[in-house]
Amino acid sequence: MKSEVPPEGHSTLESLSAEAAAEVVRFRLYVSAVSPLSARAIVNARQFLNAHLPGAYELNVLDIATHVADAKRDQVIASPTLVRYAPLPSRRVVGDLSDVARMRDWFCLQPPASP
């Protein structure tokens, strides 16, 4: 799976079958375009998801200032915020996402297997 965020309106799941797409964990990362904390959160989110859910996630990075309605729907009040919206129940983590153990616990994930 691509680790790059696709242009708005495009999905990273275009090449997956419907069955495989149903098992994908979906995230939205709300950021502030000018914040160094948000820049770190983007890098940390991609590293975390590549390590813990390789090929099984979709990450959409949204600027909170331009996606106000989406942020309101996801009950986001701070930036950066990572929201897992599928599968339910949704979960949120606020901050630069550098605490890997907390992220694993919060999203109910196991540590990646050692090579």
PDB file of N, CA and C in Angstrom:
ATOM      1  N   MET A   1       0.838  -1.181   0.000  1.00  0.00           N
ATOM      2  CA  MET A   1       0.000   0.000   0.000  1.00  0.00           C
ATOM      3  C   MET A   1       0.873   1.231   0.000  1.00  0.00           C
ATOM      4  N   LYS A   2       0.443   2.252  -0.683  1.00  0.00           N
ATOM      5  CA  LYS A   2       1.169   3.506  -0.712  1.00  0.00           C
ATOM      6  C   LYS A   2       1.171   4.132   0.669  1.00  0.00           C
ATOM      7  N   SER A   3       2.275   4.736   1.045  1.00  0.00           N
ATOM      8  CA  SER A   3       2.315   5.452   2.305  1.00  0.00           C
ATOM      9  C   SER A   3       2.021   6.933   2.088  1.00  0.00           C
ATOM     10  N   GLU A   4       1.961   7.347   0.828  1.00  0.00           N
ATOM     11  CA  GLU A   4       1.689   8.738   0.527  1.00  0.00           C
ATOM     12  C   GLU A   4       0.187   8.992   0.595  1.00  0.00           C
ATOM     13  N   VAL A   5      -0.180  10.176   1.014  1.00  0.00           N
ATOM     14  CA  VAL A   5      -1.572  10.566   1.048  1.00  0.00           C
ATOM     15  C   VAL A   5      -1.957  10.973  -0.364  1.00  0.00           C
ATOM     16  N   PRO A   6      -3.058  10.427  -0.886  1.00  0.00           N
ATOM     17  CA  PRO A   6      -3.461  10.754  -2.248  1.00  0.00           C
ATOM     18  C   PRO A   6      -4.035  12.164  -2.326  1.00  0.00           C
ATOM     19  N   PRO A   7      -4.136  12.714  -3.525  1.00  0.00           N
ATOM     20  CA  PRO A   7      -4.783  14.015  -3.670  1.00  0.00           C
ATOM     21  C   PRO A   7      -6.214  13.928  -3.160  1.00  0.00           C
ATOM     22  N   GLU A   8      -6.744  15.045  -2.724  1.00  0.00           N
ATOM     23  CA  GLU A   8      -8.101  15.060  -2.186  1.00  0.00           C
ATOM     24  C   GLU A   8      -9.069  14.480  -3.211  1.00  0.00           C
ATOM     25  N   GLY A   9      -9.982  13.648  -2.737  1.00  0.00           N
ATOM     26  CA  GLY A   9     -10.958  13.029  -3.614  1.00  0.00           C
ATOM     27  C   GLY A   9     -10.507  11.699  -4.174  1.00  0.00           C
ATOM     28  N   HIS A  10      -9.286  11.272  -3.883  1.00  0.00           N
ATOM     29  CA  HIS A  10      -8.779   9.996  -4.356  1.00  0.00           C
ATOM     30  C   HIS A  10      -8.524   9.090  -3.170  1.00  0.00           C
ATOM     31  N   SER A  11      -8.647   7.808  -3.387  1.00  0.00           N
ATOM     32  CA  SER A  11      -8.460   6.848  -2.315  1.00  0.00           C
ATOM     33  C   SER A  11      -7.181   6.058  -2.522  1.00  0.00           C
ATOM     34  N   THR A  12      -6.544   5.682  -1.413  1.00  0.00           N
ATOM     35  CA  THR A  12      -5.378   4.815  -1.506  1.00  0.00           C
ATOM     36  C   THR A  12      -5.804   3.375  -1.743  1.00  0.00           C
ATOM     37  N   LEU A  13      -7.106   3.126  -1.771  1.00  0.00           N
ATOM     38  CA  LEU A  13      -7.613   1.760  -1.876  1.00  0.00           C
ATOM     39  C   LEU A  13      -8.122   1.415  -3.270  1.00  0.00           C
ATOM     40  N   GLU A  14      -7.858   2.250  -4.255  1.00  0.00           N
ATOM     41  CA  GLU A  14      -8.426   2.049  -5.574  1.00  0.00           C
ATOM     42  C   GLU A  14      -8.092   0.687  -6.171  1.00  0.00           C
ATOM     43  N   SER A  15      -6.926   0.145  -5.854  1.00  0.00           N
ATOM     44  CA  SER A  15      -6.519  -1.105  -6.478  1.00  0.00           C
ATOM     45  C   SER A  15      -6.889  -2.337  -5.658  1.00  0.00           C
ATOM     46  N   LEU A  16      -7.501  -2.150  -4.495  1.00  0.00           N
ATOM     47  CA  LEU A  16      -7.863  -3.292  -3.659  1.00  0.00           C
ATOM     48  C   LEU A  16      -9.244  -3.807  -4.025  1.00  0.00           C
ATOM     49  N   SER A  17      -9.444  -5.109  -3.822  1.00  0.00           N
ATOM     50  CA  SER A  17     -10.764  -5.678  -4.043  1.00  0.00           C
ATOM     51  C   SER A  17     -11.714  -5.168  -2.972  1.00  0.00           C
ATOM     52  N   ALA A  18     -13.004  -5.311  -3.195  1.00  0.00           N
ATOM     53  CA  ALA A  18     -14.001  -4.860  -2.216  1.00  0.00           C
ATOM     54  C   ALA A  18     -13.845  -5.608  -0.902  1.00  0.00           C
ATOM     55  N   GLU A  19     -13.528  -6.900  -0.966  1.00  0.00           N
ATOM     56  CA  GLU A  19     -13.354  -7.695   0.255  1.00  0.00           C
ATOM     57  C   GLU A  19     -12.140  -7.217   1.052  1.00  0.00           C
ATOM     58  N   ALA A  20     -11.040  -6.961   0.366  1.00  0.00           N
ATOM     59  CA  ALA A  20      -9.839  -6.482   1.047  1.00  0.00           C
ATOM     60  C   ALA A  20     -10.059  -5.085   1.613  1.00  0.00           C
ATOM     61  N   ALA A  21     -10.781  -4.241   0.881  1.00  0.00           N
ATOM     62  CA  ALA A  21     -11.044  -2.883   1.350  1.00  0.00           C
ATOM     63  C   ALA A  21     -11.913  -2.884   2.595  1.00  0.00           C
ATOM     64  N   ALA A  22     -12.776  -3.883   2.752  1.00  0.00           N
ATOM     65  CA  ALA A  22     -13.647  -3.951   3.927  1.00  0.00           C
ATOM     66  C   ALA A  22     -12.849  -4.210   5.203  1.00  0.00           C
ATOM     67  N   GLU A  23     -11.649  -4.802   5.098  1.00  0.00           N
ATOM     68  CA  GLU A  23     -10.830  -5.121   6.259  1.00  0.00           C
ATOM     69  C   GLU A  23      -9.800  -4.032   6.563  1.00  0.00           C
ATOM     70  N   VAL A  24      -9.787  -2.989   5.790  1.00  0.00           N
ATOM     71  CA  VAL A  24      -8.820  -1.916   5.956  1.00  0.00           C
ATOM     72  C   VAL A  24      -9.232  -1.043   7.135  1.00  0.00           C
ATOM     73  N   VAL A  25      -8.249  -0.641   7.935  1.00  0.00           N
ATOM     74  CA  VAL A  25      -8.490   0.277   9.042  1.00  0.00           C
ATOM     75  C   VAL A  25      -8.331   1.688   8.486  1.00  0.00           C
ATOM     76  N   ARG A  26      -9.337   2.517   8.736  1.00  0.00           N
ATOM     77  CA  ARG A  26      -9.365   3.848   8.137  1.00  0.00           C
ATOM     78  C   ARG A  26      -9.136   4.937   9.189  1.00  0.00           C
ATOM     79  N   PHE A  27      -8.259   5.874   8.827  1.00  0.00           N
ATOM     80  CA  PHE A  27      -7.885   6.959   9.723  1.00  0.00           C
ATOM     81  C   PHE A  27      -8.005   8.297   9.011  1.00  0.00           C
ATOM     82  N   ARG A  28      -8.316   9.326   9.794  1.00  0.00           N
ATOM     83  CA  ARG A  28      -8.197  10.710   9.350  1.00  0.00           C
ATOM     84  C   ARG A  28      -7.257  11.403  10.328  1.00  0.00           C
ATOM     85  N   LEU A  29      -6.324  12.146   9.797  1.00  0.00           N
ATOM     86  CA  LEU A  29      -5.414  12.933  10.623  1.00  0.00           C
ATOM     87  C   LEU A  29      -5.694  14.400  10.350  1.00  0.00           C
ATOM     88  N   TYR A  30      -6.212  15.077  11.364  1.00  0.00           N
ATOM     89  CA  TYR A  30      -6.494  16.504  11.265  1.00  0.00           C
ATOM     90  C   TYR A  30      -5.263  17.273  11.722  1.00  0.00           C
ATOM     91  N   VAL A  31      -4.795  18.171  10.871  1.00  0.00           N
ATOM     92  CA  VAL A  31      -3.583  18.935  11.162  1.00  0.00           C
ATOM     93  C   VAL A  31      -3.816  20.410  10.869  1.00  0.00           C
ATOM     94  N   SER A  32      -2.914  21.222  11.384  1.00  0.00           N
ATOM     95  CA  SER A  32      -2.833  22.633  11.041  1.00  0.00           C
ATOM     96  C   SER A  32      -1.676  22.762  10.063  1.00  0.00           C
ATOM     97  N   ALA A  33      -1.930  23.363   8.930  1.00  0.00           N
ATOM     98  CA  ALA A  33      -0.924  23.410   7.864  1.00  0.00           C
ATOM     99  C   ALA A  33       0.371  24.102   8.270  1.00  0.00           C
ATOM    100  N   VAL A  34       0.323  24.984   9.241  1.00  0.00           N
ATOM    101  CA  VAL A  34       1.512  25.755   9.590  1.00  0.00           C
ATOM    102  C   VAL A  34       2.190  25.291  10.871  1.00  0.00           C
ATOM    103  N   SER A  35       1.743  24.226  11.460  1.00  0.00           N
ATOM    104  CA  SER A  35       2.255  23.797  12.755  1.00  0.00           C
ATOM    105  C   SER A  35       3.363  22.745  12.636  1.00  0.00           C
ATOM    106  N   PRO A  36       4.517  22.974  13.287  1.00  0.00           N
ATOM    107  CA  PRO A  36       5.564  21.952  13.317  1.00  0.00           C
ATOM    108  C   PRO A  36       5.092  20.682  14.026  1.00  0.00           C
ATOM    109  N   LEU A  37       4.216  20.830  15.017  1.00  0.00           N
ATOM    110  CA  LEU A  37       3.649  19.674  15.712  1.00  0.00           C
ATOM    111  C   LEU A  37       2.847  18.811  14.744  1.00  0.00           C
ATOM    112  N   SER A  38       2.097  19.442  13.861  1.00  0.00           N
ATOM    113  CA  SER A  38       1.328  18.713  12.858  1.00  0.00           C
ATOM    114  C   SER A  38       2.242  17.997  11.869  1.00  0.00           C
ATOM    115  N   ALA A  39       3.337  18.641  11.476  1.00  0.00           N
ATOM    116  CA  ALA A  39       4.292  18.011  10.564  1.00  0.00           C
ATOM    117  C   ALA A  39       4.867  16.745  11.196  1.00  0.00           C
ATOM    118  N   ARG A  40       5.205  16.818  12.484  1.00  0.00           N
ATOM    119  CA  ARG A  40       5.709  15.623  13.192  1.00  0.00           C
ATOM    120  C   ARG A  40       4.635  14.549  13.271  1.00  0.00           C
ATOM    121  N   ALA A  41       3.391  14.959  13.492  1.00  0.00           N
ATOM    122  CA  ALA A  41       2.293  13.993  13.591  1.00  0.00           C
ATOM    123  C   ALA A  41       2.097  13.237  12.277  1.00  0.00           C
ATOM    124  N   ILE A  42       2.242  13.913  11.162  1.00  0.00           N
ATOM    125  CA  ILE A  42       2.098  13.256   9.856  1.00  0.00           C
ATOM    126  C   ILE A  42       3.166  12.184   9.693  1.00  0.00           C
ATOM    127  N   VAL A  43       4.409  12.526   9.974  1.00  0.00           N
ATOM    128  CA  VAL A  43       5.515  11.572   9.861  1.00  0.00           C
ATOM    129  C   VAL A  43       5.307  10.416  10.831  1.00  0.00           C
ATOM    130  N   ASN A  44       4.979  10.721  12.083  1.00  0.00           N
ATOM    131  CA  ASN A  44       4.797   9.681  13.097  1.00  0.00           C
ATOM    132  C   ASN A  44       3.624   8.764  12.769  1.00  0.00           C
ATOM    133  N   ALA A  45       2.532   9.322  12.263  1.00  0.00           N
ATOM    134  CA  ALA A  45       1.368   8.505  11.899  1.00  0.00           C
ATOM    135  C   ALA A  45       1.729   7.535  10.787  1.00  0.00           C
ATOM    136  N   ARG A  46       2.407   8.019   9.768  1.00  0.00           N
ATOM    137  CA  ARG A  46       2.787   7.138   8.652  1.00  0.00           C
ATOM    138  C   ARG A  46       3.733   6.031   9.118  1.00  0.00           C
ATOM    139  N   GLN A  47       4.714   6.379   9.947  1.00  0.00           N
ATOM    140  CA  GLN A  47       5.644   5.365  10.456  1.00  0.00           C
ATOM    141  C   GLN A  47       4.911   4.330  11.306  1.00  0.00           C
ATOM    142  N   PHE A  48       4.051   4.794  12.193  1.00  0.00           N
ATOM    143  CA  PHE A  48       3.302   3.893  13.072  1.00  0.00           C
ATOM    144  C   PHE A  48       2.411   2.954  12.254  1.00  0.00           C
ATOM    145  N   LEU A  49       1.660   3.502  11.315  1.00  0.00           N
ATOM    146  CA  LEU A  49       0.736   2.684  10.529  1.00  0.00           C
ATOM    147  C   LEU A  49       1.481   1.729   9.600  1.00  0.00           C
ATOM    148  N   ASN A  50       2.586   2.163   9.024  1.00  0.00           N
ATOM    149  CA  ASN A  50       3.381   1.256   8.187  1.00  0.00           C
ATOM    150  C   ASN A  50       3.946   0.100   9.001  1.00  0.00           C
ATOM    151  N   ALA A  51       4.305   0.353  10.259  1.00  0.00           N
ATOM    152  CA  ALA A  51       4.865  -0.695  11.117  1.00  0.00           C
ATOM    153  C   ALA A  51       3.797  -1.637  11.650  1.00  0.00           C
ATOM    154  N   HIS A  52       2.626  -1.108  12.003  1.00  0.00           N
ATOM    155  CA  HIS A  52       1.611  -1.904  12.691  1.00  0.00           C
ATOM    156  C   HIS A  52       0.489  -2.412  11.792  1.00  0.00           C
ATOM    157  N   LEU A  53       0.242  -1.747  10.681  1.00  0.00           N
ATOM    158  CA  LEU A  53      -0.830  -2.147   9.766  1.00  0.00           C
ATOM    159  C   LEU A  53      -0.346  -2.087   8.312  1.00  0.00           C
ATOM    160  N   PRO A  54       0.786  -2.717   8.011  1.00  0.00           N
ATOM    161  CA  PRO A  54       1.316  -2.595   6.644  1.00  0.00           C
ATOM    162  C   PRO A  54       0.322  -3.116   5.599  1.00  0.00           C
ATOM    163  N   GLY A  55      -0.011  -2.259   4.658  1.00  0.00           N
ATOM    164  CA  GLY A  55      -0.920  -2.650   3.586  1.00  0.00           C
ATOM    165  C   GLY A  55      -2.368  -2.782   3.998  1.00  0.00           C
ATOM    166  N   ALA A  56      -2.714  -2.411   5.224  1.00  0.00           N
ATOM    167  CA  ALA A  56      -4.087  -2.623   5.702  1.00  0.00           C
ATOM    168  C   ALA A  56      -4.685  -1.357   6.301  1.00  0.00           C
ATOM    169  N   TYR A  57      -4.252  -0.205   5.818  1.00  0.00           N
ATOM    170  CA  TYR A  57      -4.810   1.027   6.349  1.00  0.00           C
ATOM    171  C   TYR A  57      -4.982   2.066   5.250  1.00  0.00           C
ATOM    172  N   GLU A  58      -5.846   3.022   5.540  1.00  0.00           N
ATOM    173  CA  GLU A  58      -6.029   4.194   4.695  1.00  0.00           C
ATOM    174  C   GLU A  58      -5.862   5.401   5.608  1.00  0.00           C
ATOM    175  N   LEU A  59      -5.019   6.332   5.238  1.00  0.00           N
ATOM    176  CA  LEU A  59      -4.774   7.536   6.012  1.00  0.00           C
ATOM    177  C   LEU A  59      -5.085   8.752   5.149  1.00  0.00           C
ATOM    178  N   ASN A  60      -6.023   9.560   5.613  1.00  0.00           N
ATOM    179  CA  ASN A  60      -6.346  10.810   4.947  1.00  0.00           C
ATOM    180  C   ASN A  60      -5.909  11.947   5.861  1.00  0.00           C
ATOM    181  N   VAL A  61      -5.045  12.809   5.360  1.00  0.00           N
ATOM    182  CA  VAL A  61      -4.571  13.960   6.110  1.00  0.00           C
ATOM    183  C   VAL A  61      -5.398  15.162   5.684  1.00  0.00           C
ATOM    184  N   LEU A  62      -6.027  15.814   6.675  1.00  0.00           N
ATOM    185  CA  LEU A  62      -6.916  16.931   6.396  1.00  0.00           C
ATOM    186  C   LEU A  62      -6.468  18.163   7.168  1.00  0.00           C
ATOM    187  N   ASP A  63      -6.422  19.301   6.495  1.00  0.00           N
ATOM    188  CA  ASP A  63      -6.152  20.569   7.157  1.00  0.00           C
ATOM    189  C   ASP A  63      -7.434  20.978   7.881  1.00  0.00           C
ATOM    190  N   ILE A  64      -7.336  21.105   9.185  1.00  0.00           N
ATOM    191  CA  ILE A  64      -8.519  21.379   9.993  1.00  0.00           C
ATOM    192  C   ILE A  64      -9.185  22.704   9.607  1.00  0.00           C
ATOM    193  N   ALA A  65      -8.413  23.660   9.129  1.00  0.00           N
ATOM    194  CA  ALA A  65      -8.955  24.963   8.754  1.00  0.00           C
ATOM    195  C   ALA A  65      -9.824  24.896   7.503  1.00  0.00           C
ATOM    196  N   THR A  66      -9.530  23.971   6.605  1.00  0.00           N
ATOM    197  CA  THR A  66     -10.299  23.865   5.366  1.00  0.00           C
ATOM    198  C   THR A  66     -11.323  22.736   5.400  1.00  0.00           C
ATOM    199  N   HIS A  67     -11.285  21.906   6.429  1.00  0.00           N
ATOM    200  CA  HIS A  67     -12.234  20.788   6.565  1.00  0.00           C
ATOM    201  C   HIS A  67     -12.978  20.890   7.895  1.00  0.00           C
ATOM    202  N   VAL A  68     -13.552  22.069   8.127  1.00  0.00           N
ATOM    203  CA  VAL A  68     -14.228  22.346   9.391  1.00  0.00           C
ATOM    204  C   VAL A  68     -15.412  21.407   9.610  1.00  0.00           C
ATOM    205  N   ALA A  69     -16.211  21.168   8.581  1.00  0.00           N
ATOM    206  CA  ALA A  69     -17.386  20.292   8.718  1.00  0.00           C
ATOM    207  C   ALA A  69     -16.965  18.868   9.075  1.00  0.00           C
ATOM    208  N   ASP A  70     -15.898  18.371   8.439  1.00  0.00           N
ATOM    209  CA  ASP A  70     -15.399  17.028   8.754  1.00  0.00           C
ATOM    210  C   ASP A  70     -14.905  16.962  10.193  1.00  0.00           C
ATOM    211  N   ALA A  71     -14.174  17.994  10.618  1.00  0.00           N
ATOM    212  CA  ALA A  71     -13.659  18.029  11.986  1.00  0.00           C
ATOM    213  C   ALA A  71     -14.804  18.066  12.988  1.00  0.00           C
ATOM    214  N   LYS A  72     -15.830  18.813  12.684  1.00  0.00           N
ATOM    215  CA  LYS A  72     -16.996  18.877  13.570  1.00  0.00           C
ATOM    216  C   LYS A  72     -17.680  17.511  13.652  1.00  0.00           C
ATOM    217  N   ARG A  73     -17.845  16.861  12.521  1.00  0.00           N
ATOM    218  CA  ARG A  73     -18.470  15.529  12.492  1.00  0.00           C
ATOM    219  C   ARG A  73     -17.667  14.532  13.327  1.00  0.00           C
ATOM    220  N   ASP A  74     -16.324  14.617  13.243  1.00  0.00           N
ATOM    221  CA  ASP A  74     -15.457  13.706  13.992  1.00  0.00           C
ATOM    222  C   ASP A  74     -15.174  14.186  15.413  1.00  0.00           C
ATOM    223  N   GLN A  75     -15.815  15.294  15.807  1.00  0.00           N
ATOM    224  CA  GLN A  75     -15.676  15.858  17.147  1.00  0.00           C
ATOM    225  C   GLN A  75     -14.223  16.187  17.493  1.00  0.00           C
ATOM    226  N   VAL A  76     -13.536  16.781  16.537  1.00  0.00           N
ATOM    227  CA  VAL A  76     -12.141  17.183  16.713  1.00  0.00           C
ATOM    228  C   VAL A  76     -12.112  18.615  17.229  1.00  0.00           C
ATOM    229  N   ILE A  77     -11.416  18.821  18.351  1.00  0.00           N
ATOM    230  CA  ILE A  77     -11.333  20.167  18.923  1.00  0.00           C
ATOM    231  C   ILE A  77      -9.894  20.667  19.036  1.00  0.00           C
ATOM    232  N   ALA A  78      -8.933  19.832  18.649  1.00  0.00           N
ATOM    233  CA  ALA A  78      -7.519  20.209  18.721  1.00  0.00           C
ATOM    234  C   ALA A  78      -6.789  19.611  17.531  1.00  0.00           C
ATOM    235  N   SER A  79      -5.642  20.186  17.241  1.00  0.00           N
ATOM    236  CA  SER A  79      -4.839  19.707  16.125  1.00  0.00           C
ATOM    237  C   SER A  79      -3.401  19.545  16.604  1.00  0.00           C
ATOM    238  N   PRO A  80      -2.752  18.470  16.227  1.00  0.00           N
ATOM    239  CA  PRO A  80      -3.196  17.367  15.387  1.00  0.00           C
ATOM    240  C   PRO A  80      -4.022  16.335  16.175  1.00  0.00           C
ATOM    241  N   THR A  81      -4.979  15.732  15.486  1.00  0.00           N
ATOM    242  CA  THR A  81      -5.791  14.653  16.040  1.00  0.00           C
ATOM    243  C   THR A  81      -5.892  13.541  15.017  1.00  0.00           C
ATOM    244  N   LEU A  82      -5.568  12.317  15.440  1.00  0.00           N
ATOM    245  CA  LEU A  82      -5.718  11.134  14.598  1.00  0.00           C
ATOM    246  C   LEU A  82      -7.010  10.447  15.003  1.00  0.00           C
ATOM    247  N   VAL A  83      -7.895  10.232  14.027  1.00  0.00           N
ATOM    248  CA  VAL A  83      -9.184   9.592  14.267  1.00  0.00           C
ATOM    249  C   VAL A  83      -9.223   8.281  13.502  1.00  0.00           C
ATOM    250  N   ARG A  84      -9.466   7.173  14.233  1.00  0.00           N
ATOM    251  CA  ARG A  84      -9.767   5.903  13.546  1.00  0.00           C
ATOM    252  C   ARG A  84     -11.280   5.856  13.447  1.00  0.00           C
ATOM    253  N   TYR A  85     -11.798   5.873  12.225  1.00  0.00           N
ATOM    254  CA  TYR A  85     -13.249   5.890  12.053  1.00  0.00           C
ATOM    255  C   TYR A  85     -13.804   4.569  11.548  1.00  0.00           C
ATOM    256  N   ALA A  86     -12.969   3.650  11.159  1.00  0.00           N
ATOM    257  CA  ALA A  86     -13.425   2.310  10.784  1.00  0.00           C
ATOM    258  C   ALA A  86     -12.283   1.350  11.056  1.00  0.00           C
ATOM    259  N   PRO A  87     -12.554   0.263  11.698  1.00  0.00           N
ATOM    260  CA  PRO A  87     -13.858  -0.188  12.189  1.00  0.00           C
ATOM    261  C   PRO A  87     -14.280   0.578  13.446  1.00  0.00           C
ATOM    262  N   LEU A  88     -15.574   0.510  13.696  1.00  0.00           N
ATOM    263  CA  LEU A  88     -16.123   1.130  14.901  1.00  0.00           C
ATOM    264  C   LEU A  88     -15.733   0.322  16.122  1.00  0.00           C
ATOM    265  N   PRO A  89     -15.666   0.884  17.294  1.00  0.00           N
ATOM    266  CA  PRO A  89     -15.946   2.268  17.618  1.00  0.00           C
ATOM    267  C   PRO A  89     -14.789   3.165  17.187  1.00  0.00           C
ATOM    268  N   SER A  90     -15.124   4.411  16.904  1.00  0.00           N
ATOM    269  CA  SER A  90     -14.072   5.349  16.523  1.00  0.00           C
ATOM    270  C   SER A  90     -13.219   5.668  17.744  1.00  0.00           C
ATOM    271  N   ARG A  91     -11.985   6.033  17.464  1.00  0.00           N
ATOM    272  CA  ARG A  91     -11.023   6.395  18.527  1.00  0.00           C
ATOM    273  C   ARG A  91     -10.255   7.616  18.074  1.00  0.00           C
ATOM    274  N   ARG A  92      -9.793   8.415  19.049  1.00  0.00           N
ATOM    275  CA  ARG A  92      -9.036   9.638  18.759  1.00  0.00           C
ATOM    276  C   ARG A  92      -7.794   9.720  19.627  1.00  0.00           C
ATOM    277  N   VAL A  93      -6.717  10.205  19.048  1.00  0.00           N
ATOM    278  CA  VAL A  93      -5.496  10.503  19.792  1.00  0.00           C
ATOM    279  C   VAL A  93      -5.063  11.908  19.377  1.00  0.00           C
ATOM    280  N   VAL A  94      -4.786  12.747  20.369  1.00  0.00           N
ATOM    281  CA  VAL A  94      -4.379  14.125  20.122  1.00  0.00           C
ATOM    282  C   VAL A  94      -2.892  14.261  20.434  1.00  0.00           C
ATOM    283  N   GLY A  95      -2.170  14.987  19.595  1.00  0.00           N
ATOM    284  CA  GLY A  95      -0.758  15.248  19.836  1.00  0.00           C
ATOM    285  C   GLY A  95       0.086  14.856  18.649  1.00  0.00           C
ATOM    286  N   ASP A  96       1.405  14.800  18.856  1.00  0.00           N
ATOM    287  CA  ASP A  96       2.319  14.523  17.741  1.00  0.00           C
ATOM    288  C   ASP A  96       2.475  13.032  17.438  1.00  0.00           C
ATOM    289  N   LEU A  97       1.773  12.179  18.166  1.00  0.00           N
ATOM    290  CA  LEU A  97       1.712  10.730  17.915  1.00  0.00           C
ATOM    291  C   LEU A  97       3.062  10.050  18.103  1.00  0.00           C
ATOM    292  N   SER A  98       3.895  10.597  18.979  1.00  0.00           N
ATOM    293  CA  SER A  98       5.223  10.025  19.196  1.00  0.00           C
ATOM    294  C   SER A  98       5.232   8.913  20.238  1.00  0.00           C
ATOM    295  N   ASP A  99       4.177   8.770  21.029  1.00  0.00           N
ATOM    296  CA  ASP A  99       4.112   7.742  22.064  1.00  0.00           C
ATOM    297  C   ASP A  99       3.531   6.464  21.453  1.00  0.00           C
ATOM    298  N   VAL A 100       4.409   5.621  20.936  1.00  0.00           N
ATOM    299  CA  VAL A 100       3.999   4.422  20.200  1.00  0.00           C
ATOM    300  C   VAL A 100       3.227   3.452  21.091  1.00  0.00           C
ATOM    301  N   ALA A 101       3.655   3.264  22.330  1.00  0.00           N
ATOM    302  CA  ALA A 101       2.951   2.338  23.240  1.00  0.00           C
ATOM    303  C   ALA A 101       1.523   2.816  23.489  1.00  0.00           C
ATOM    304  N   ARG A 102       1.365   4.109  23.703  1.00  0.00           N
ATOM    305  CA  ARG A 102       0.023   4.659  23.921  1.00  0.00           C
ATOM    306  C   ARG A 102      -0.840   4.468  22.684  1.00  0.00           C
ATOM    307  N   MET A 103      -0.272   4.687  21.515  1.00  0.00           N
ATOM    308  CA  MET A 103      -1.018   4.507  20.261  1.00  0.00           C
ATOM    309  C   MET A 103      -1.447   3.054  20.085  1.00  0.00           C
ATOM    310  N   ARG A 104      -0.524   2.119  20.360  1.00  0.00           N
ATOM    311  CA  ARG A 104      -0.880   0.690  20.257  1.00  0.00           C
ATOM    312  C   ARG A 104      -2.039   0.360  21.190  1.00  0.00           C
ATOM    313  N   ASP A 105      -1.936   0.811  22.439  1.00  0.00           N
ATOM    314  CA  ASP A 105      -2.992   0.538  23.411  1.00  0.00           C
ATOM    315  C   ASP A 105      -4.310   1.168  22.985  1.00  0.00           C
ATOM    316  N   TRP A 106      -4.256   2.413  22.584  1.00  0.00           N
ATOM    317  CA  TRP A 106      -5.462   3.147  22.251  1.00  0.00           C
ATOM    318  C   TRP A 106      -6.179   2.547  21.045  1.00  0.00           C
ATOM    319  N   PHE A 107      -5.414   2.073  20.055  1.00  0.00           N
ATOM    320  CA  PHE A 107      -6.008   1.497  18.856  1.00  0.00           C
ATOM    321  C   PHE A 107      -6.067  -0.031  18.908  1.00  0.00           C
ATOM    322  N   CYS A 108      -5.755  -0.616  20.065  1.00  0.00           N
ATOM    323  CA  CYS A 108      -5.852  -2.065  20.292  1.00  0.00           C
ATOM    324  C   CYS A 108      -5.030  -2.859  19.276  1.00  0.00           C
ATOM    325  N   LEU A 109      -3.773  -2.472  19.111  1.00  0.00           N
ATOM    326  CA  LEU A 109      -2.878  -3.135  18.167  1.00  0.00           C
ATOM    327  C   LEU A 109      -1.738  -3.803  18.913  1.00  0.00           C
ATOM    328  N   GLN A 110      -1.218  -4.857  18.323  1.00  0.00           N
ATOM    329  CA  GLN A 110      -0.076  -5.568  18.899  1.00  0.00           C
ATOM    330  C   GLN A 110       1.212  -4.979  18.330  1.00  0.00           C
ATOM    331  N   PRO A 111       2.326  -5.122  19.081  1.00  0.00           N
ATOM    332  CA  PRO A 111       3.613  -4.670  18.530  1.00  0.00           C
ATOM    333  C   PRO A 111       3.913  -5.455  17.240  1.00  0.00           C
ATOM    334  N   PRO A 112       4.604  -4.821  16.304  1.00  0.00           N
ATOM    335  CA  PRO A 112       4.947  -5.550  15.059  1.00  0.00           C
ATOM    336  C   PRO A 112       5.903  -6.684  15.374  1.00  0.00           C
ATOM    337  N   ALA A 113       5.827  -7.728  14.571  1.00  0.00           N
ATOM    338  CA  ALA A 113       6.710  -8.879  14.734  1.00  0.00           C
ATOM    339  C   ALA A 113       8.157  -8.485  14.445  1.00  0.00           C
ATOM    340  N   SER A 114       9.074  -9.025  15.212  1.00  0.00           N
ATOM    341  CA  SER A 114      10.500  -8.752  14.999  1.00  0.00           C
ATOM    342  C   SER A 114      10.983  -9.555  13.807  1.00  0.00           C
ATOM    343  N   PRO A 115      11.878  -8.973  12.989  1.00  0.00           N
ATOM    344  CA  PRO A 115      12.394  -9.697  11.806  1.00  0.00           C
ATOM    345  C   PRO A 115      13.288 -10.841  12.180  1.00  0.00           C
TER     346      PRO A 115
END
